Amino acid sequence: MSQLLVGLDVSMKSHHVHFMKEDGTSLTDFSVSNDELGADTLIQKMKETAERNQIRQLKIGLEATSNYGWHVAHYLKEQLSSEKEDISTSIYVLNARKVARFKKGYDTLPKNDRIDAWVIADHLRFGRLPNEMKDAIHYEALQRLTRTRFHLAKEIARNKTYLLNQLFIKFSGMRQDNPFSNTFGATSLAVIQELEPETITNMSLQNLVDFIQEKGKNRFQNPEEVASYLQKVARSSYRLNKTLQDPVNLSMSVIISTIQHMESQIKRLDKEIAKLMKGIPQTLTSVKGIGDVYAAGSIAEIGDIKRFKDHHALAKYAGLVWNQYQSGEYEADETSRMKTGNKYLRYYLVQAADSIRRSDSDYKAFYQKKYQEVTKHQHKRALVLTARKLVRLVFSLLKTNQLYISPERREF
């Protein structure tokens, strides 16, 4: 079947297009605006070229860079799939890193939009393509929420790290040895925002106990011990120059408010995610530790599980695979994880693994075994390997739509 290969180099305002025949012969290249009018122009040119060259198959490729190609890809999919003409159409969203590597196979190609469109078209010609783009709006709707949640979670983590650095300046002892189990808990934050180390040192123990009880809503079992330890770390802390106190306090207050606001927005997202999940049949939430959020984060990125041949393919897509280093009879025992894959899916799988290993005996034992195998980066390594183990279960549950029975429940 004769093919027309269409390479699109997308940008915010326009797309550069290259038409190529399956034997590598270039037919034409041109630009269209990044709007419906431009997309209609592209469709018309594809039809005319296909008719003129007696082509029966269209292969359209574009890179997965930002969201500039999102509209045109879906518009082409919708318009061309509704056509009754005897022309089959496939659209591929290509990994930009793989396209860049493919381009390196040509020694002297310049970097410009025209050449990039040609490279994409030529990449289509050589094959080894990802799965064809499918219409899955319900998955993409979920993606908007789960990816936004991912973004906020990462921002919160960065802000917390920044706040801890500021805390050392204000209250070095509390940063070194915080008497509260959670630095970002309500009582700890109240101490950070409302009290200075010198103030704590000069307070009577009973007044400090009353402060802790009020901010902790009487939840501390031994507030006298906490107050006494807090005074100890306050006495050992550096004293901040008074000129710096107000700027540092304001800076920390702004960061704390930002964190709290983002956490409230994550709660909004979680509620909406739970609503959408009610309309998606799945059994991932039958696993204790995988709630609506972690299930949604995984499903939104996986989409139709039929896209993946087996759990190995799914693990590769998530970037939970390790390099192999072998030469002759030598093969390295320790290798690094490949720095590729879907970062969103990997994040939610790792978060889910961290939750599951706390309640499921199989995953807990596996995590502990991997933790004890090394002396460096124990938690991080064990958690990522546990996430890889989880991939097998996720693939099975999505494939069979069966409920998960935990080791604890199998005994009954």
Protein backbone atom coordinates (compact mmCIF):
# COMPACT_ATOMS: atom_id res chain seq x y z
CA MET A 1 0.00 0.00 0.00
CA SER A 2 1.49 3.37 -1.06
CA GLN A 3 2.05 5.79 1.81
CA LEU A 4 2.25 9.54 2.31
CA LEU A 5 4.47 10.40 5.27
CA VAL A 6 3.65 13.74 6.87
CA GLY A 7 6.11 15.32 9.31
CA LEU A 8 4.87 18.22 11.45
CA ASP A 9 7.26 20.46 13.35
CA VAL A 10 4.87 22.19 15.72
CA SER A 11 5.13 25.60 17.37
CA MET A 12 2.77 28.00 19.10
CA LYS A 13 1.79 30.07 16.05
CA SER A 14 2.46 27.78 13.10
CA HIS A 15 3.47 24.29 12.01
CA HIS A 16 6.03 23.44 9.36
CA VAL A 17 4.96 20.45 7.27
CA HIS A 18 6.92 18.04 5.06
CA PHE A 19 5.36 15.51 2.68
CA MET A 20 7.46 12.46 1.82
CA LYS A 21 6.82 9.29 -0.17
CA GLU A 22 7.61 5.88 1.29
CA ASP A 23 10.77 5.62 -0.82
CA GLY A 24 12.16 8.82 0.80
CA THR A 25 11.32 11.14 -2.07
CA SER A 26 10.32 14.58 -0.82
CA LEU A 27 7.12 15.94 -2.34
CA THR A 28 6.68 19.35 -0.76
CA ASP A 29 7.08 21.39 2.39
CA PHE A 30 5.10 24.38 3.62
CA SER A 31 3.78 26.07 6.77
CA VAL A 32 0.26 26.36 8.15
CA SER A 33 -1.08 28.45 11.01
CA ASN A 34 -1.74 26.76 14.34
CA ASP A 35 -5.52 27.08 14.22
CA GLU A 36 -8.48 25.31 12.62
CA LEU A 37 -8.01 27.20 9.35
CA GLY A 38 -4.42 26.00 9.16
CA ALA A 39 -5.45 22.44 10.02
CA ASP A 40 -8.14 22.50 7.30
CA THR A 41 -5.50 23.72 4.81
CA LEU A 42 -3.25 20.82 5.82
CA ILE A 43 -6.08 18.30 5.39
CA GLN A 44 -6.90 19.66 1.94
CA LYS A 45 -3.26 19.50 0.82
CA MET A 46 -2.96 15.92 2.12
CA LYS A 47 -6.06 14.87 0.17
CA GLU A 48 -4.88 16.53 -3.02
CA THR A 49 -1.40 15.00 -2.74
CA ALA A 50 -2.81 11.56 -1.95
CA GLU A 51 -5.15 11.69 -4.94
CA ARG A 52 -2.44 12.94 -7.28
CA ASN A 53 0.01 10.22 -6.25
CA GLN A 54 -2.57 7.42 -5.82
CA ILE A 55 -1.82 7.10 -2.11
CA ARG A 56 -4.00 4.98 0.15
CA GLN A 57 -2.34 5.45 3.53
CA LEU A 58 -1.42 8.56 5.50
CA LYS A 59 1.11 8.48 8.32
CA ILE A 60 1.28 11.72 10.30
CA GLY A 61 3.94 12.34 12.93
CA LEU A 62 4.67 15.14 15.38
CA GLU A 63 6.80 15.48 18.48
CA ALA A 64 5.36 15.41 21.98
CA THR A 65 6.69 18.88 22.87
CA SER A 66 4.60 21.06 25.21
CA ASN A 67 0.94 21.37 24.17
CA TYR A 68 1.41 23.18 20.86
CA GLY A 69 0.58 20.07 18.85
CA TRP A 70 -2.31 18.89 21.01
CA HIS A 71 -5.09 20.65 19.11
CA VAL A 72 -3.85 19.86 15.61
CA ALA A 73 -3.32 16.17 16.45
CA HIS A 74 -6.81 15.75 17.83
CA TYR A 75 -8.39 17.87 15.10
CA LEU A 76 -6.74 15.79 12.37
CA LYS A 77 -7.78 12.59 14.14
CA GLU A 78 -11.38 13.73 14.39
CA GLN A 79 -11.70 15.12 10.87
CA LEU A 80 -9.85 12.37 9.02
CA SER A 81 -11.53 9.52 10.91
CA SER A 82 -14.93 10.88 9.85
CA GLU A 83 -13.95 10.80 6.16
CA LYS A 84 -15.47 7.98 4.11
CA GLU A 85 -12.74 8.07 1.52
CA ASP A 86 -10.64 4.96 0.93
CA ILE A 87 -7.58 6.35 2.73
CA SER A 88 -6.41 4.99 6.08
CA THR A 89 -4.85 7.48 8.49
CA SER A 90 -2.49 6.94 11.41
CA ILE A 91 -1.22 9.66 13.73
CA TYR A 92 1.88 9.19 15.87
CA VAL A 93 3.04 11.40 18.73
CA LEU A 94 6.80 10.84 18.81
CA ASN A 95 9.23 11.07 21.69
CA ALA A 96 11.30 14.22 21.08
CA ARG A 97 14.44 12.61 22.51
CA LYS A 98 14.17 9.66 20.12
CA VAL A 99 13.64 12.01 17.17
CA ALA A 100 16.75 13.95 18.20
CA ARG A 101 18.76 10.73 18.35
CA PHE A 102 17.41 9.68 14.96
CA LYS A 103 18.52 13.01 13.55
CA LYS A 104 22.07 12.45 14.80
CA GLY A 105 22.35 9.65 12.26
CA TYR A 106 22.66 12.39 9.62
CA ASP A 107 26.02 14.12 9.84
CA THR A 108 25.44 17.63 8.53
CA LEU A 109 21.78 18.52 9.02
CA PRO A 110 21.18 22.10 10.25
CA LYS A 111 18.68 22.96 12.97
CA ASN A 112 15.62 24.65 11.51
CA ASP A 113 11.88 24.01 11.24
CA ARG A 114 12.03 22.80 7.64
CA ILE A 115 14.69 20.19 8.39
CA ASP A 116 12.97 19.08 11.60
CA ALA A 117 9.74 18.37 9.71
CA TRP A 118 11.76 16.37 7.16
CA VAL A 119 13.43 14.37 9.94
CA ILE A 120 10.05 13.51 11.48
CA ALA A 121 8.72 12.35 8.10
CA ASP A 122 11.84 10.25 7.54
CA HIS A 123 11.48 8.78 11.02
CA LEU A 124 7.98 7.63 10.04
CA ARG A 125 9.47 5.94 6.99
CA PHE A 126 11.90 3.83 9.00
CA GLY A 127 9.27 2.53 11.43
CA ARG A 128 9.79 1.43 15.05
CA LEU A 129 7.01 3.82 15.96
CA PRO A 130 5.04 4.14 19.19
CA ASN A 131 1.43 3.10 19.40
CA GLU A 132 -0.89 4.99 17.11
CA MET A 133 -2.69 7.86 18.80
CA LYS A 134 -6.20 6.89 19.88
CA ASP A 135 -9.12 9.06 20.93
CA ALA A 136 -9.37 8.69 24.70
CA ILE A 137 -10.80 11.95 25.95
CA HIS A 138 -11.82 10.50 29.34
CA TYR A 139 -8.18 9.55 29.99
CA GLU A 140 -6.97 12.97 28.88
CA ALA A 141 -9.54 14.69 31.09
CA LEU A 142 -8.14 12.73 34.02
CA GLN A 143 -4.61 13.64 32.91
CA ARG A 144 -5.33 17.36 33.22
CA LEU A 145 -6.09 16.82 36.91
CA THR A 146 -3.42 14.25 37.81
CA ARG A 147 -0.64 16.10 36.00
CA THR A 148 -1.63 19.38 37.66
CA ARG A 149 -1.58 17.56 40.98
CA PHE A 150 1.90 16.22 40.17
CA HIS A 151 3.07 19.76 39.39
CA LEU A 152 1.69 21.13 42.68
CA ALA A 153 3.16 18.26 44.71
CA LYS A 154 6.61 18.95 43.25
CA GLU A 155 6.24 22.69 43.98
CA ILE A 156 5.22 21.97 47.56
CA ALA A 157 8.29 19.76 48.02
CA ARG A 158 10.55 22.51 46.65
CA ASN A 159 8.96 25.13 48.89
CA LYS A 160 9.31 22.90 51.94
CA THR A 161 13.01 22.44 51.21
CA TYR A 162 13.40 26.22 50.88
CA LEU A 163 11.51 26.75 54.15
CA LEU A 164 13.79 24.31 55.98
CA ASN A 165 16.81 26.29 54.79
CA GLN A 166 15.20 29.47 56.12
CA LEU A 167 14.38 27.73 59.39
CA PHE A 168 18.07 27.08 60.06
CA ILE A 169 18.72 30.80 59.79
CA LYS A 170 15.94 31.69 62.23
CA PHE A 171 16.01 28.73 64.61
CA SER A 172 19.05 26.53 63.98
CA GLY A 173 18.36 24.13 66.86
CA MET A 174 14.82 23.38 65.69
CA ARG A 175 16.13 22.62 62.21
CA GLN A 176 18.78 20.30 63.64
CA ASP A 177 16.59 18.49 66.16
CA ASN A 178 12.90 19.34 65.95
CA PRO A 179 10.94 18.13 69.00
CA PHE A 180 7.83 17.78 66.82
CA SER A 181 7.40 14.68 64.69
CA ASN A 182 6.26 16.77 61.72
CA THR A 183 8.06 20.04 60.99
CA PHE A 184 5.10 21.13 58.87
CA GLY A 185 2.44 20.22 61.42
CA ALA A 186 0.19 22.90 62.91
CA THR A 187 2.02 23.18 66.26
CA SER A 188 5.48 23.21 64.72
CA LEU A 189 4.48 25.91 62.22
CA ALA A 190 2.93 27.97 65.03
CA VAL A 191 6.22 27.89 66.94
CA ILE A 192 8.16 28.81 63.80
CA GLN A 193 5.91 31.74 62.91
CA GLU A 194 5.02 33.16 66.32
CA LEU A 195 8.04 32.59 68.57
CA GLU A 196 11.74 33.44 68.52
CA PRO A 197 14.38 31.16 70.12
CA GLU A 198 15.12 33.85 72.71
CA THR A 199 11.40 34.17 73.52
CA ILE A 200 11.11 30.43 74.06
CA THR A 201 14.19 30.43 76.30
CA ASN A 202 12.73 33.17 78.51
CA MET A 203 9.19 31.75 78.70
CA SER A 204 8.10 29.88 81.79
CA LEU A 205 7.71 26.16 81.18
CA GLN A 206 4.00 26.34 82.00
CA ASN A 207 3.38 29.15 79.48
CA LEU A 208 5.16 27.18 76.80
CA VAL A 209 3.13 24.06 77.69
CA ASP A 210 -0.07 26.10 77.42
CA PHE A 211 1.02 27.42 73.98
CA ILE A 212 1.79 23.92 72.71
CA GLN A 213 -1.49 22.54 74.04
CA GLU A 214 -3.49 25.35 72.48
CA LYS A 215 -1.85 25.04 69.05
CA GLY A 216 -1.91 21.24 69.22
CA LYS A 217 -5.56 21.16 70.37
CA ASN A 218 -4.59 19.12 73.46
CA ARG A 219 -3.35 16.19 71.37
CA PHE A 220 0.07 15.90 72.99
CA GLN A 221 0.31 13.10 75.55
CA ASN A 222 3.30 14.64 77.31
CA PRO A 223 3.38 18.39 76.50
CA GLU A 224 5.76 19.13 79.41
CA GLU A 225 8.42 16.91 77.86
CA VAL A 226 7.96 18.54 74.44
CA ALA A 227 8.12 22.05 75.95
CA SER A 228 11.23 21.21 77.95
CA TYR A 229 12.99 19.83 74.88
CA LEU A 230 11.94 22.85 72.82
CA GLN A 231 13.54 25.15 75.38
CA LYS A 232 16.69 23.05 75.26
CA VAL A 233 17.06 23.41 71.47
CA ALA A 234 16.20 27.12 71.74
CA ARG A 235 19.04 27.69 74.23
CA SER A 236 21.51 25.93 71.92
CA SER A 237 20.44 27.88 68.81
CA TYR A 238 22.28 30.77 67.21
CA ARG A 239 20.81 34.21 67.90
CA LEU A 240 19.74 36.07 64.78
CA ASN A 241 20.64 39.73 64.36
CA LYS A 242 17.53 41.83 65.07
CA THR A 243 17.84 43.56 61.70
CA LEU A 244 17.30 40.21 60.02
CA GLN A 245 14.43 38.99 62.18
CA ASP A 246 11.55 40.76 60.42
CA PRO A 247 12.73 39.98 56.84
CA VAL A 248 13.32 36.30 57.70
CA ASN A 249 9.95 36.02 59.47
CA LEU A 250 8.12 37.61 56.55
CA SER A 251 9.93 35.39 54.07
CA MET A 252 8.98 32.25 56.02
CA SER A 253 5.39 33.42 56.47
CA VAL A 254 5.00 33.90 52.70
CA ILE A 255 6.43 30.44 51.96
CA ILE A 256 4.20 28.80 54.58
CA SER A 257 1.12 30.54 53.16
CA THR A 258 2.10 29.40 49.66
CA ILE A 259 2.49 25.79 50.82
CA GLN A 260 -0.84 25.85 52.63
CA HIS A 261 -2.61 27.34 49.62
CA MET A 262 -1.18 24.72 47.26
CA GLU A 263 -2.14 21.95 49.67
CA SER A 264 -5.72 23.26 49.66
CA GLN A 265 -5.70 23.24 45.86
CA ILE A 266 -4.51 19.63 45.85
CA LYS A 267 -7.54 18.76 47.98
CA ARG A 268 -9.76 20.40 45.34
CA LEU A 269 -8.11 18.32 42.65
CA ASP A 270 -8.49 15.14 44.70
CA LYS A 271 -12.24 15.67 45.02
CA GLU A 272 -12.63 16.15 41.27
CA ILE A 273 -10.40 13.14 40.55
CA ALA A 274 -12.62 11.00 42.78
CA LYS A 275 -15.69 12.13 40.80
CA LEU A 276 -14.14 11.21 37.45
CA MET A 277 -12.94 7.86 38.76
CA LYS A 278 -16.53 6.80 39.46
CA GLY A 279 -17.09 6.62 35.70
CA ILE A 280 -13.97 4.55 34.93
CA PRO A 281 -14.24 0.77 35.53
CA GLN A 282 -11.07 -0.44 37.28
CA THR A 283 -9.92 -2.68 40.11
CA LEU A 284 -6.71 -0.91 41.16
CA THR A 285 -8.43 0.56 44.20
CA SER A 286 -9.05 -2.98 45.48
CA VAL A 287 -5.38 -2.85 46.55
CA LYS A 288 -5.11 -1.39 50.04
CA GLY A 289 -2.95 1.72 49.70
CA ILE A 290 -4.08 2.61 46.18
CA GLY A 291 -6.85 5.15 46.48
CA ASP A 292 -8.58 7.13 43.76
CA VAL A 293 -5.65 9.54 43.32
CA TYR A 294 -2.89 6.96 42.78
CA ALA A 295 -5.19 4.83 40.63
CA ALA A 296 -6.16 7.86 38.55
CA GLY A 297 -2.54 8.97 38.13
CA SER A 298 -1.65 5.54 36.78
CA ILE A 299 -4.72 4.98 34.60
CA ALA A 300 -4.55 8.48 33.08
CA GLU A 301 -1.05 7.78 31.74
CA ILE A 302 -1.52 4.11 30.84
CA GLY A 303 -4.79 4.62 28.97
CA ASP A 304 -5.91 1.44 27.26
CA ILE A 305 -3.88 -1.41 28.75
CA LYS A 306 -4.11 -3.24 25.41
CA ARG A 307 -1.42 -0.86 24.14
CA PHE A 308 1.11 -2.88 26.14
CA LYS A 309 2.15 -6.41 25.26
CA ASP A 310 3.12 -7.33 28.83
CA HIS A 311 4.23 -5.84 32.14
CA HIS A 312 7.77 -5.45 30.81
CA ALA A 313 6.50 -3.08 28.14
CA LEU A 314 4.53 -1.14 30.75
CA ALA A 315 7.59 -0.90 33.00
CA LYS A 316 9.64 0.44 30.11
CA TYR A 317 6.96 3.03 29.37
CA ALA A 318 7.09 4.12 33.02
CA GLY A 319 10.90 4.28 33.01
CA LEU A 320 11.21 1.54 35.61
CA VAL A 321 13.86 -0.43 33.75
CA TRP A 322 17.59 -0.72 34.25
CA ASN A 323 20.47 -0.54 31.80
CA GLN A 324 22.41 -3.66 30.91
CA TYR A 325 26.18 -3.46 30.67
CA GLN A 326 27.68 -6.60 29.12
CA SER A 327 30.80 -7.20 27.08
CA GLY A 328 32.18 -10.64 26.26
CA GLU A 329 31.91 -12.77 29.40
CA TYR A 330 31.63 -9.73 31.70
CA GLU A 331 28.28 -8.41 32.88
CA ALA A 332 27.97 -5.68 35.50
CA ASP A 333 26.02 -6.53 38.66
CA GLU A 334 25.06 -2.92 39.40
CA THR A 335 23.46 -0.81 36.69
CA SER A 336 21.58 2.49 36.70
CA ARG A 337 17.93 3.04 35.94
CA MET A 338 17.25 4.33 32.45
CA LYS A 339 16.53 8.08 32.54
CA THR A 340 13.57 7.81 30.19
CA GLY A 341 9.90 6.98 30.43
CA ASN A 342 6.71 8.68 31.51
CA LYS A 343 7.61 10.73 34.61
CA TYR A 344 3.96 11.12 35.66
CA LEU A 345 3.25 7.40 35.61
CA ARG A 346 6.52 6.67 37.41
CA TYR A 347 5.69 9.22 40.11
CA TYR A 348 2.25 7.75 40.85
CA LEU A 349 3.56 4.17 40.81
CA VAL A 350 6.32 5.06 43.28
CA GLN A 351 3.86 6.90 45.52
CA ALA A 352 1.48 3.94 45.39
CA ALA A 353 4.31 1.52 46.18
CA ASP A 354 5.28 3.59 49.22
CA SER A 355 1.68 3.40 50.44
CA ILE A 356 1.16 -0.31 49.71
CA ARG A 357 4.34 -1.50 51.40
CA ARG A 358 2.98 -0.15 54.70
CA SER A 359 -0.08 -2.43 54.70
CA ASP A 360 0.60 -5.38 52.38
CA SER A 361 2.90 -8.04 53.85
CA ASP A 362 4.22 -9.20 50.45
CA TYR A 363 5.26 -5.71 49.44
CA LYS A 364 6.53 -4.90 52.92
CA ALA A 365 8.82 -7.96 52.90
CA PHE A 366 10.03 -7.17 49.38
CA TYR A 367 10.79 -3.56 50.31
CA GLN A 368 12.70 -4.58 53.44
CA LYS A 369 14.72 -7.17 51.51
CA LYS A 370 15.78 -4.59 48.91
CA TYR A 371 16.43 -2.02 51.63
CA GLN A 372 18.89 -4.32 53.38
CA GLU A 373 20.79 -5.28 50.22
CA VAL A 374 22.74 -2.01 50.04
CA THR A 375 24.21 0.60 52.37
CA LYS A 376 23.56 3.73 50.28
CA HIS A 377 20.29 5.26 49.08
CA GLN A 378 18.47 2.37 50.73
CA HIS A 379 14.96 3.83 50.86
CA LYS A 380 15.03 5.34 47.38
CA ARG A 381 16.38 2.15 45.78
CA ALA A 382 14.01 -0.16 47.66
CA LEU A 383 11.03 2.03 46.84
CA VAL A 384 11.77 2.18 43.10
CA LEU A 385 12.26 -1.60 42.97
CA THR A 386 8.97 -2.05 44.86
CA ALA A 387 7.31 0.19 42.26
CA ARG A 388 8.70 -2.10 39.54
CA LYS A 389 7.15 -5.07 41.34
CA LEU A 390 3.88 -3.13 41.50
CA VAL A 391 3.89 -2.69 37.70
CA ARG A 392 3.28 -6.43 37.32
CA LEU A 393 0.22 -6.22 39.57
CA VAL A 394 -1.13 -3.07 37.90
CA PHE A 395 -0.82 -4.67 34.48
CA SER A 396 -2.60 -7.82 35.66
CA LEU A 397 -5.48 -5.98 37.35
CA LEU A 398 -6.10 -3.69 34.38
CA LYS A 399 -5.83 -6.62 31.95
CA THR A 400 -8.14 -9.02 33.81
CA ASN A 401 -10.30 -6.50 35.69
CA GLN A 402 -10.15 -8.81 38.70
CA LEU A 403 -10.08 -7.73 42.34
CA TYR A 404 -6.85 -7.98 44.30
CA ILE A 405 -6.77 -10.27 47.32
CA SER A 406 -4.09 -9.30 49.82
CA PRO A 407 -1.95 -11.93 51.60
CA GLU A 408 -3.79 -11.15 54.84
CA ARG A 409 -7.19 -11.91 53.28
CA ARG A 410 -5.97 -15.05 51.49
CA GLU A 411 -5.52 -16.73 54.86
CA PHE A 412 -9.25 -16.71 55.56
